[in-house]
């Protein structure tokens, strides 16, 4: 991860076909995240996934990106850089920002919140539980004032 290319390159010898990769940069706002997800879902990298895989991918991206908006950029504006690539049965995700680091320089453990009576259900607290249980190879790195979160999403590569 460098200032010129903030995305870690897990396999420098592998070149992803252009239609199976996507690079987006957008403002760290809930509206921009929503628009960015809509753009991504229309691209070939995600458009031909089955409904379950598209739903899982959208959920994981929404949770991770909204966490950047709510926590990394809680005190100032900024931008989010997102890179997706698809190879075989995996979508690899890398999310980079220059916001605050994660507490203890690690992603949250993702434990479920205590759930009591239905009228007292928490509004949040499920995001990292979902990310940790649905994604693979979750990694976080803080370097030179930037955060990089990466993970894989297993997919079937077929329409439902």
N, C-alpha and C. Protein backbone atom coordinates (compact mmCIF):
# COMPACT_ATOMS: atom_id res chain seq x y z
N UNK A 1 0.86 -1.17 0.00
CA UNK A 1 0.00 0.00 0.00
C UNK A 1 0.90 1.23 0.00
N UNK A 2 0.79 2.04 -1.03
CA UNK A 2 1.57 3.26 -1.13
C UNK A 2 0.61 4.42 -1.36
N UNK A 3 1.14 5.63 -1.30
CA UNK A 3 0.30 6.80 -1.55
C UNK A 3 -0.24 6.77 -2.97
N UNK A 4 0.57 6.29 -3.94
CA UNK A 4 0.12 6.24 -5.32
C UNK A 4 -0.92 5.14 -5.54
N UNK A 5 -0.75 3.99 -4.90
CA UNK A 5 -1.68 2.87 -5.04
C UNK A 5 -1.97 2.32 -3.66
N UNK A 6 -3.08 2.73 -3.04
CA UNK A 6 -3.34 2.33 -1.66
C UNK A 6 -3.81 0.89 -1.52
N UNK A 7 -4.02 0.19 -2.63
CA UNK A 7 -4.55 -1.16 -2.55
C UNK A 7 -3.42 -2.18 -2.46
N UNK A 8 -3.45 -3.03 -1.45
CA UNK A 8 -2.46 -4.10 -1.38
C UNK A 8 -2.67 -5.04 -2.57
N UNK A 9 -1.60 -5.55 -3.13
CA UNK A 9 -1.69 -6.46 -4.27
C UNK A 9 -1.39 -7.87 -3.79
N UNK A 10 -2.44 -8.69 -3.57
CA UNK A 10 -2.21 -10.01 -3.01
C UNK A 10 -1.48 -10.95 -3.94
N UNK A 11 -1.57 -10.76 -5.25
CA UNK A 11 -0.94 -11.65 -6.20
C UNK A 11 -0.50 -10.83 -7.41
N UNK A 12 0.74 -10.28 -7.39
CA UNK A 12 1.16 -9.39 -8.46
C UNK A 12 1.21 -10.06 -9.83
N UNK A 13 1.30 -11.39 -9.89
CA UNK A 13 1.36 -12.09 -11.17
C UNK A 13 0.01 -12.31 -11.81
N UNK A 14 -1.07 -12.07 -11.09
CA UNK A 14 -2.41 -12.32 -11.59
C UNK A 14 -3.02 -11.03 -12.12
N UNK A 15 -3.51 -11.06 -13.32
CA UNK A 15 -4.21 -9.91 -13.90
C UNK A 15 -5.68 -10.27 -14.04
N UNK A 16 -6.54 -9.47 -13.43
CA UNK A 16 -7.97 -9.72 -13.47
C UNK A 16 -8.52 -9.12 -14.76
N UNK A 17 -9.32 -9.89 -15.53
CA UNK A 17 -9.96 -9.29 -16.70
C UNK A 17 -10.74 -8.04 -16.30
N UNK A 18 -10.71 -7.04 -17.15
CA UNK A 18 -11.31 -5.74 -16.82
C UNK A 18 -12.77 -5.85 -16.38
N UNK A 19 -13.55 -6.74 -16.99
CA UNK A 19 -14.96 -6.84 -16.62
C UNK A 19 -15.16 -7.59 -15.31
N UNK A 20 -14.10 -8.17 -14.77
CA UNK A 20 -14.20 -8.85 -13.48
C UNK A 20 -13.45 -8.09 -12.39
N UNK A 21 -13.33 -6.79 -12.58
CA UNK A 21 -12.74 -5.95 -11.54
C UNK A 21 -13.46 -4.60 -11.56
N UNK A 22 -13.34 -3.88 -10.45
CA UNK A 22 -13.96 -2.56 -10.34
C UNK A 22 -13.17 -1.74 -9.34
N UNK A 23 -12.89 -0.51 -9.68
CA UNK A 23 -12.25 0.45 -8.79
C UNK A 23 -13.16 1.67 -8.70
N UNK A 24 -13.55 2.02 -7.49
CA UNK A 24 -14.40 3.19 -7.28
C UNK A 24 -13.81 4.07 -6.20
N UNK A 25 -13.99 5.35 -6.34
CA UNK A 25 -13.64 6.32 -5.30
C UNK A 25 -14.87 7.20 -5.12
N UNK A 26 -15.31 7.33 -3.86
CA UNK A 26 -16.49 8.15 -3.61
C UNK A 26 -16.39 8.79 -2.23
N UNK A 27 -17.20 9.81 -2.03
CA UNK A 27 -17.22 10.53 -0.76
C UNK A 27 -17.69 9.60 0.36
N UNK A 28 -17.18 9.84 1.53
CA UNK A 28 -17.54 9.03 2.70
C UNK A 28 -18.83 9.57 3.31
N UNK A 29 -19.93 9.39 2.57
CA UNK A 29 -21.25 9.77 3.05
C UNK A 29 -22.20 8.59 2.81
N UNK A 30 -23.28 8.53 3.57
CA UNK A 30 -24.22 7.43 3.38
C UNK A 30 -24.84 7.47 1.99
N UNK A 31 -25.12 8.65 1.48
CA UNK A 31 -25.69 8.78 0.14
C UNK A 31 -24.73 8.29 -0.93
N UNK A 32 -23.46 8.66 -0.82
CA UNK A 32 -22.46 8.22 -1.80
C UNK A 32 -22.23 6.71 -1.72
N UNK A 33 -22.29 6.14 -0.52
CA UNK A 33 -22.18 4.69 -0.38
C UNK A 33 -23.35 4.01 -1.08
N UNK A 34 -24.53 4.51 -0.87
CA UNK A 34 -25.72 3.95 -1.51
C UNK A 34 -25.61 4.02 -3.03
N UNK A 35 -25.17 5.17 -3.56
CA UNK A 35 -25.01 5.33 -5.00
C UNK A 35 -23.89 4.43 -5.53
N UNK A 36 -22.80 4.33 -4.77
CA UNK A 36 -21.68 3.47 -5.18
C UNK A 36 -22.09 2.01 -5.25
N UNK A 37 -22.88 1.55 -4.27
CA UNK A 37 -23.35 0.17 -4.29
C UNK A 37 -24.27 -0.08 -5.48
N UNK A 38 -25.13 0.86 -5.79
CA UNK A 38 -26.02 0.71 -6.94
C UNK A 38 -25.21 0.61 -8.23
N UNK A 39 -24.17 1.44 -8.36
CA UNK A 39 -23.30 1.38 -9.55
C UNK A 39 -22.60 0.03 -9.63
N UNK A 40 -22.08 -0.44 -8.49
CA UNK A 40 -21.37 -1.73 -8.46
C UNK A 40 -22.27 -2.88 -8.87
N UNK A 41 -23.49 -2.90 -8.38
CA UNK A 41 -24.40 -4.01 -8.66
C UNK A 41 -24.76 -4.09 -10.14
N UNK A 42 -24.58 -3.00 -10.87
CA UNK A 42 -24.87 -3.00 -12.30
C UNK A 42 -23.66 -3.41 -13.15
N UNK A 43 -22.48 -3.48 -12.56
CA UNK A 43 -21.27 -3.83 -13.31
C UNK A 43 -21.18 -5.34 -13.52
N UNK A 44 -20.50 -5.77 -14.59
CA UNK A 44 -20.39 -7.21 -14.87
C UNK A 44 -19.83 -8.04 -13.70
N UNK A 45 -18.95 -7.47 -12.91
CA UNK A 45 -18.36 -8.24 -11.81
C UNK A 45 -19.41 -8.77 -10.84
N UNK A 46 -20.52 -8.06 -10.68
CA UNK A 46 -21.58 -8.49 -9.75
C UNK A 46 -22.90 -8.79 -10.45
N UNK A 47 -23.11 -8.24 -11.63
CA UNK A 47 -24.42 -8.32 -12.29
C UNK A 47 -24.86 -9.75 -12.58
N UNK A 48 -23.92 -10.66 -12.86
CA UNK A 48 -24.34 -12.02 -13.23
C UNK A 48 -24.31 -13.00 -12.06
N UNK A 49 -24.10 -12.50 -10.85
CA UNK A 49 -24.15 -13.38 -9.68
C UNK A 49 -25.59 -13.80 -9.42
N UNK A 50 -25.75 -14.95 -8.80
CA UNK A 50 -27.08 -15.38 -8.38
C UNK A 50 -27.59 -14.45 -7.28
N UNK A 51 -28.88 -14.50 -7.04
CA UNK A 51 -29.53 -13.59 -6.09
C UNK A 51 -28.91 -13.70 -4.69
N UNK A 52 -28.65 -14.90 -4.21
CA UNK A 52 -28.07 -15.06 -2.86
C UNK A 52 -26.68 -14.44 -2.78
N UNK A 53 -25.84 -14.71 -3.76
CA UNK A 53 -24.48 -14.16 -3.75
C UNK A 53 -24.49 -12.65 -3.90
N UNK A 54 -25.37 -12.12 -4.76
CA UNK A 54 -25.49 -10.66 -4.90
C UNK A 54 -25.94 -10.03 -3.58
N UNK A 55 -26.92 -10.66 -2.93
CA UNK A 55 -27.41 -10.15 -1.66
C UNK A 55 -26.33 -10.17 -0.58
N UNK A 56 -25.59 -11.26 -0.48
CA UNK A 56 -24.50 -11.36 0.50
C UNK A 56 -23.43 -10.32 0.22
N UNK A 57 -23.06 -10.19 -1.05
CA UNK A 57 -22.03 -9.22 -1.42
C UNK A 57 -22.48 -7.80 -1.10
N UNK A 58 -23.70 -7.46 -1.46
CA UNK A 58 -24.22 -6.13 -1.17
C UNK A 58 -24.27 -5.87 0.33
N UNK A 59 -24.71 -6.84 1.10
CA UNK A 59 -24.78 -6.70 2.55
C UNK A 59 -23.40 -6.46 3.15
N UNK A 60 -22.42 -7.27 2.77
CA UNK A 60 -21.07 -7.12 3.33
C UNK A 60 -20.45 -5.78 2.95
N UNK A 61 -20.61 -5.39 1.69
CA UNK A 61 -20.06 -4.10 1.27
C UNK A 61 -20.75 -2.94 1.99
N UNK A 62 -22.08 -3.00 2.11
CA UNK A 62 -22.81 -1.93 2.80
C UNK A 62 -22.37 -1.82 4.25
N UNK A 63 -22.23 -2.94 4.94
CA UNK A 63 -21.81 -2.91 6.34
C UNK A 63 -20.41 -2.31 6.47
N UNK A 64 -19.48 -2.80 5.67
CA UNK A 64 -18.09 -2.32 5.78
C UNK A 64 -17.97 -0.85 5.39
N UNK A 65 -18.60 -0.46 4.29
CA UNK A 65 -18.51 0.93 3.83
C UNK A 65 -19.20 1.90 4.79
N UNK A 66 -20.35 1.52 5.30
CA UNK A 66 -21.03 2.39 6.26
C UNK A 66 -20.26 2.52 7.56
N UNK A 67 -19.51 1.49 7.95
CA UNK A 67 -18.64 1.61 9.12
C UNK A 67 -17.56 2.65 8.89
N UNK A 68 -17.03 2.71 7.68
CA UNK A 68 -16.03 3.75 7.36
C UNK A 68 -16.65 5.12 7.53
N UNK A 69 -17.85 5.30 6.96
CA UNK A 69 -18.53 6.59 7.06
C UNK A 69 -18.78 6.97 8.52
N UNK A 70 -19.33 6.04 9.29
CA UNK A 70 -19.75 6.33 10.66
C UNK A 70 -18.60 6.44 11.65
N UNK A 71 -17.53 5.71 11.43
CA UNK A 71 -16.47 5.66 12.43
C UNK A 71 -15.15 6.26 11.97
N UNK A 72 -14.65 5.86 10.81
CA UNK A 72 -13.36 6.39 10.35
C UNK A 72 -13.46 7.89 10.06
N UNK A 73 -14.57 8.30 9.47
CA UNK A 73 -14.76 9.71 9.13
C UNK A 73 -15.83 10.35 10.00
N UNK A 74 -15.90 9.96 11.24
CA UNK A 74 -16.90 10.52 12.14
C UNK A 74 -16.73 12.01 12.37
N UNK A 75 -15.48 12.50 12.27
CA UNK A 75 -15.19 13.89 12.63
C UNK A 75 -14.83 14.80 11.47
N UNK A 76 -14.68 14.27 10.27
CA UNK A 76 -14.32 15.10 9.13
C UNK A 76 -14.70 14.37 7.83
N UNK A 77 -14.78 15.13 6.73
CA UNK A 77 -15.12 14.50 5.45
C UNK A 77 -13.91 13.77 4.87
N UNK A 78 -14.17 12.89 3.95
CA UNK A 78 -13.09 12.18 3.29
C UNK A 78 -13.63 11.35 2.14
N UNK A 79 -12.77 10.49 1.63
CA UNK A 79 -13.20 9.63 0.54
C UNK A 79 -12.85 8.17 0.84
N UNK A 80 -13.57 7.30 0.16
CA UNK A 80 -13.37 5.87 0.29
C UNK A 80 -12.93 5.35 -1.07
N UNK A 81 -11.91 4.50 -1.07
CA UNK A 81 -11.46 3.84 -2.29
C UNK A 81 -11.83 2.37 -2.15
N UNK A 82 -12.48 1.84 -3.17
CA UNK A 82 -12.95 0.47 -3.14
C UNK A 82 -12.45 -0.25 -4.39
N UNK A 83 -11.84 -1.41 -4.19
CA UNK A 83 -11.41 -2.26 -5.30
C UNK A 83 -12.03 -3.64 -5.11
N UNK A 84 -12.68 -4.12 -6.17
CA UNK A 84 -13.22 -5.47 -6.20
C UNK A 84 -12.56 -6.22 -7.35
N UNK A 85 -12.30 -7.49 -7.16
CA UNK A 85 -11.88 -8.35 -8.26
C UNK A 85 -12.51 -9.72 -8.06
N UNK A 86 -12.75 -10.38 -9.18
CA UNK A 86 -13.40 -11.68 -9.12
C UNK A 86 -12.53 -12.70 -9.84
N UNK A 87 -12.23 -13.76 -9.14
CA UNK A 87 -11.42 -14.83 -9.71
C UNK A 87 -12.00 -16.14 -9.20
N UNK A 88 -12.42 -16.99 -10.13
CA UNK A 88 -13.00 -18.27 -9.73
C UNK A 88 -14.22 -18.05 -8.86
N UNK A 89 -14.26 -18.69 -7.72
CA UNK A 89 -15.40 -18.61 -6.82
C UNK A 89 -15.25 -17.59 -5.72
N UNK A 90 -14.47 -16.54 -5.95
CA UNK A 90 -14.26 -15.52 -4.91
C UNK A 90 -14.33 -14.11 -5.48
N UNK A 91 -14.89 -13.23 -4.69
CA UNK A 91 -14.77 -11.79 -4.93
C UNK A 91 -13.85 -11.27 -3.85
N UNK A 92 -12.77 -10.62 -4.26
CA UNK A 92 -11.83 -10.03 -3.32
C UNK A 92 -12.16 -8.54 -3.19
N UNK A 93 -12.23 -8.09 -1.96
CA UNK A 93 -12.62 -6.71 -1.66
C UNK A 93 -11.48 -6.03 -0.92
N UNK A 94 -11.16 -4.80 -1.30
CA UNK A 94 -10.22 -3.98 -0.54
C UNK A 94 -10.83 -2.59 -0.41
N UNK A 95 -10.97 -2.14 0.82
CA UNK A 95 -11.54 -0.83 1.12
C UNK A 95 -10.46 -0.01 1.80
N UNK A 96 -10.17 1.16 1.24
CA UNK A 96 -9.12 2.02 1.80
C UNK A 96 -9.70 3.39 2.13
N UNK A 97 -9.19 3.98 3.21
CA UNK A 97 -9.60 5.32 3.60
C UNK A 97 -8.47 5.97 4.40
N UNK A 98 -8.60 7.25 4.64
CA UNK A 98 -7.62 7.98 5.43
C UNK A 98 -8.26 8.55 6.70
N UNK A 99 -9.22 7.81 7.22
CA UNK A 99 -9.90 8.23 8.43
C UNK A 99 -9.19 7.72 9.67
N UNK A 100 -9.92 7.75 10.77
CA UNK A 100 -9.38 7.26 12.04
C UNK A 100 -9.07 5.76 11.96
N UNK A 101 -8.06 5.30 12.68
CA UNK A 101 -7.78 3.86 12.68
C UNK A 101 -8.84 3.11 13.47
N UNK A 102 -8.90 1.82 13.23
CA UNK A 102 -9.81 0.98 14.02
C UNK A 102 -9.27 0.90 15.44
N UNK A 103 -10.17 0.79 16.42
CA UNK A 103 -9.72 0.67 17.81
C UNK A 103 -8.77 -0.53 17.96
N UNK A 104 -7.69 -0.32 18.69
CA UNK A 104 -6.68 -1.36 18.91
C UNK A 104 -6.08 -1.85 17.60
N UNK A 105 -6.18 -1.07 16.52
CA UNK A 105 -5.64 -1.44 15.21
C UNK A 105 -6.08 -2.81 14.74
N UNK A 106 -7.35 -3.14 14.99
CA UNK A 106 -7.89 -4.44 14.58
C UNK A 106 -9.40 -4.30 14.36
N UNK A 107 -9.94 -5.08 13.44
CA UNK A 107 -11.40 -5.06 13.27
C UNK A 107 -12.08 -5.56 14.54
N UNK A 108 -13.26 -5.04 14.84
CA UNK A 108 -13.99 -5.52 16.01
C UNK A 108 -14.22 -7.03 15.95
N UNK A 109 -14.37 -7.63 17.12
CA UNK A 109 -14.53 -9.09 17.20
C UNK A 109 -15.81 -9.58 16.57
N UNK A 110 -16.82 -8.76 16.55
CA UNK A 110 -18.06 -9.17 15.89
C UNK A 110 -18.95 -10.05 16.73
N UNK A 111 -18.97 -9.79 18.03
CA UNK A 111 -19.88 -10.56 18.88
C UNK A 111 -21.28 -9.95 18.77
N UNK A 112 -22.27 -10.79 18.89
CA UNK A 112 -23.64 -10.31 18.82
C UNK A 112 -23.99 -9.48 20.04
N UNK A 113 -24.79 -8.42 19.85
CA UNK A 113 -25.25 -7.65 21.01
C UNK A 113 -26.23 -8.50 21.83
N UNK A 114 -26.36 -8.15 23.09
CA UNK A 114 -27.32 -8.83 23.95
C UNK A 114 -28.72 -8.49 23.45
N UNK A 115 -29.52 -9.51 23.25
CA UNK A 115 -30.87 -9.31 22.73
C UNK A 115 -31.86 -9.65 23.83
N UNK A 116 -32.67 -8.66 24.17
CA UNK A 116 -33.66 -8.85 25.23
C UNK A 116 -35.04 -8.96 24.64
N UNK A 117 -35.98 -8.34 25.28
CA UNK A 117 -37.37 -8.35 24.83
C UNK A 117 -37.48 -7.67 23.46
N UNK A 118 -38.42 -8.10 22.62
CA UNK A 118 -38.54 -7.55 21.26
C UNK A 118 -38.64 -6.03 21.22
N UNK A 119 -39.26 -5.43 22.22
CA UNK A 119 -39.38 -3.97 22.21
C UNK A 119 -38.06 -3.28 22.55
N UNK A 120 -37.04 -4.05 22.93
CA UNK A 120 -35.73 -3.47 23.26
C UNK A 120 -34.63 -3.98 22.33
N UNK A 121 -35.00 -4.39 21.13
CA UNK A 121 -33.99 -4.87 20.18
C UNK A 121 -33.04 -3.74 19.81
N UNK A 122 -31.74 -4.02 19.74
CA UNK A 122 -30.80 -2.97 19.35
C UNK A 122 -30.95 -2.65 17.87
N UNK A 123 -30.67 -1.39 17.51
CA UNK A 123 -30.75 -0.98 16.11
C UNK A 123 -29.51 -1.39 15.35
N UNK A 124 -28.40 -1.51 16.02
CA UNK A 124 -27.15 -1.85 15.35
C UNK A 124 -26.39 -2.90 16.14
N UNK A 125 -25.15 -3.08 15.75
CA UNK A 125 -24.29 -4.02 16.46
C UNK A 125 -24.17 -5.37 15.78
N UNK A 126 -24.79 -5.52 14.60
CA UNK A 126 -24.75 -6.80 13.91
C UNK A 126 -23.74 -6.82 12.76
N UNK A 127 -23.25 -5.64 12.35
CA UNK A 127 -22.41 -5.52 11.16
C UNK A 127 -21.16 -6.37 11.18
N UNK A 128 -20.35 -6.23 12.23
CA UNK A 128 -19.10 -7.00 12.27
C UNK A 128 -19.35 -8.48 12.49
N UNK A 129 -20.43 -8.83 13.15
CA UNK A 129 -20.80 -10.25 13.27
C UNK A 129 -21.06 -10.82 11.87
N UNK A 130 -21.82 -10.10 11.06
CA UNK A 130 -22.12 -10.55 9.70
C UNK A 130 -20.85 -10.60 8.85
N UNK A 131 -20.04 -9.56 8.91
CA UNK A 131 -18.80 -9.53 8.12
C UNK A 131 -17.92 -10.71 8.49
N UNK A 132 -17.70 -10.92 9.77
CA UNK A 132 -16.81 -12.00 10.21
C UNK A 132 -17.36 -13.39 9.87
N UNK A 133 -18.69 -13.53 9.81
CA UNK A 133 -19.27 -14.85 9.55
C UNK A 133 -19.50 -15.15 8.07
N UNK A 134 -19.59 -14.13 7.24
CA UNK A 134 -19.85 -14.35 5.82
C UNK A 134 -18.62 -14.16 4.93
N UNK A 135 -17.65 -13.40 5.40
CA UNK A 135 -16.44 -13.14 4.61
C UNK A 135 -15.32 -14.10 5.04
N UNK A 136 -14.32 -14.20 4.20
CA UNK A 136 -13.14 -15.03 4.49
C UNK A 136 -11.89 -14.17 4.40
N UNK A 137 -10.85 -14.60 5.09
CA UNK A 137 -9.53 -13.95 5.03
C UNK A 137 -9.59 -12.46 5.34
N UNK A 138 -10.32 -12.09 6.36
CA UNK A 138 -10.44 -10.70 6.78
C UNK A 138 -9.09 -10.20 7.27
N UNK A 139 -8.66 -9.07 6.73
CA UNK A 139 -7.37 -8.49 7.14
C UNK A 139 -7.52 -6.98 7.21
N UNK A 140 -6.81 -6.38 8.17
CA UNK A 140 -6.81 -4.92 8.33
C UNK A 140 -5.37 -4.47 8.49
N UNK A 141 -5.07 -3.34 7.86
CA UNK A 141 -3.74 -2.78 7.99
C UNK A 141 -3.84 -1.26 8.05
N UNK A 142 -3.09 -0.67 8.95
CA UNK A 142 -2.97 0.78 9.06
C UNK A 142 -1.54 1.13 8.67
N UNK A 143 -1.39 1.99 7.68
CA UNK A 143 -0.06 2.37 7.23
C UNK A 143 -0.08 3.79 6.69
N UNK A 144 0.86 4.60 7.13
CA UNK A 144 1.02 5.97 6.63
C UNK A 144 -0.28 6.77 6.66
N UNK A 145 -1.05 6.62 7.75
CA UNK A 145 -2.29 7.38 7.90
C UNK A 145 -3.47 6.84 7.12
N UNK A 146 -3.32 5.67 6.53
CA UNK A 146 -4.41 5.06 5.76
C UNK A 146 -4.82 3.72 6.35
N UNK A 147 -6.09 3.40 6.19
CA UNK A 147 -6.64 2.11 6.58
C UNK A 147 -6.88 1.28 5.33
N UNK A 148 -6.60 -0.01 5.40
CA UNK A 148 -6.94 -0.94 4.32
C UNK A 148 -7.59 -2.16 4.95
N UNK A 149 -8.82 -2.41 4.58
CA UNK A 149 -9.56 -3.58 5.03
C UNK A 149 -9.77 -4.45 3.80
N UNK A 150 -9.41 -5.73 3.91
CA UNK A 150 -9.62 -6.63 2.78
C UNK A 150 -10.27 -7.92 3.26
N UNK A 151 -11.01 -8.54 2.35
CA UNK A 151 -11.64 -9.83 2.64
C UNK A 151 -12.08 -10.45 1.32
N UNK A 152 -12.41 -11.73 1.39
CA UNK A 152 -12.94 -12.47 0.24
C UNK A 152 -14.39 -12.84 0.52
N UNK A 153 -15.18 -12.86 -0.55
CA UNK A 153 -16.56 -13.31 -0.46
C UNK A 153 -16.69 -14.51 -1.39
N UNK A 154 -16.93 -15.70 -0.84
CA UNK A 154 -17.13 -16.86 -1.71
C UNK A 154 -18.45 -16.75 -2.47
N UNK A 155 -18.40 -17.02 -3.79
CA UNK A 155 -19.60 -16.96 -4.63
C UNK A 155 -19.65 -18.20 -5.53
N UNK A 156 -20.85 -18.51 -6.00
CA UNK A 156 -21.05 -19.67 -6.87
C UNK A 156 -20.74 -19.39 -8.34
N UNK A 157 -20.69 -18.13 -8.74
CA UNK A 157 -20.44 -17.76 -10.13
C UNK A 157 -21.54 -18.18 -11.08
N UNK A 158 -22.76 -18.28 -10.61
CA UNK A 158 -23.87 -18.67 -11.47
C UNK A 158 -25.10 -17.84 -11.13
N UNK A 159 -25.92 -17.61 -12.14
CA UNK A 159 -27.23 -17.01 -11.89
C UNK A 159 -28.10 -18.03 -11.18
N UNK A 160 -29.00 -17.55 -10.33
CA UNK A 160 -29.98 -18.44 -9.68
C UNK A 160 -31.14 -18.70 -10.63
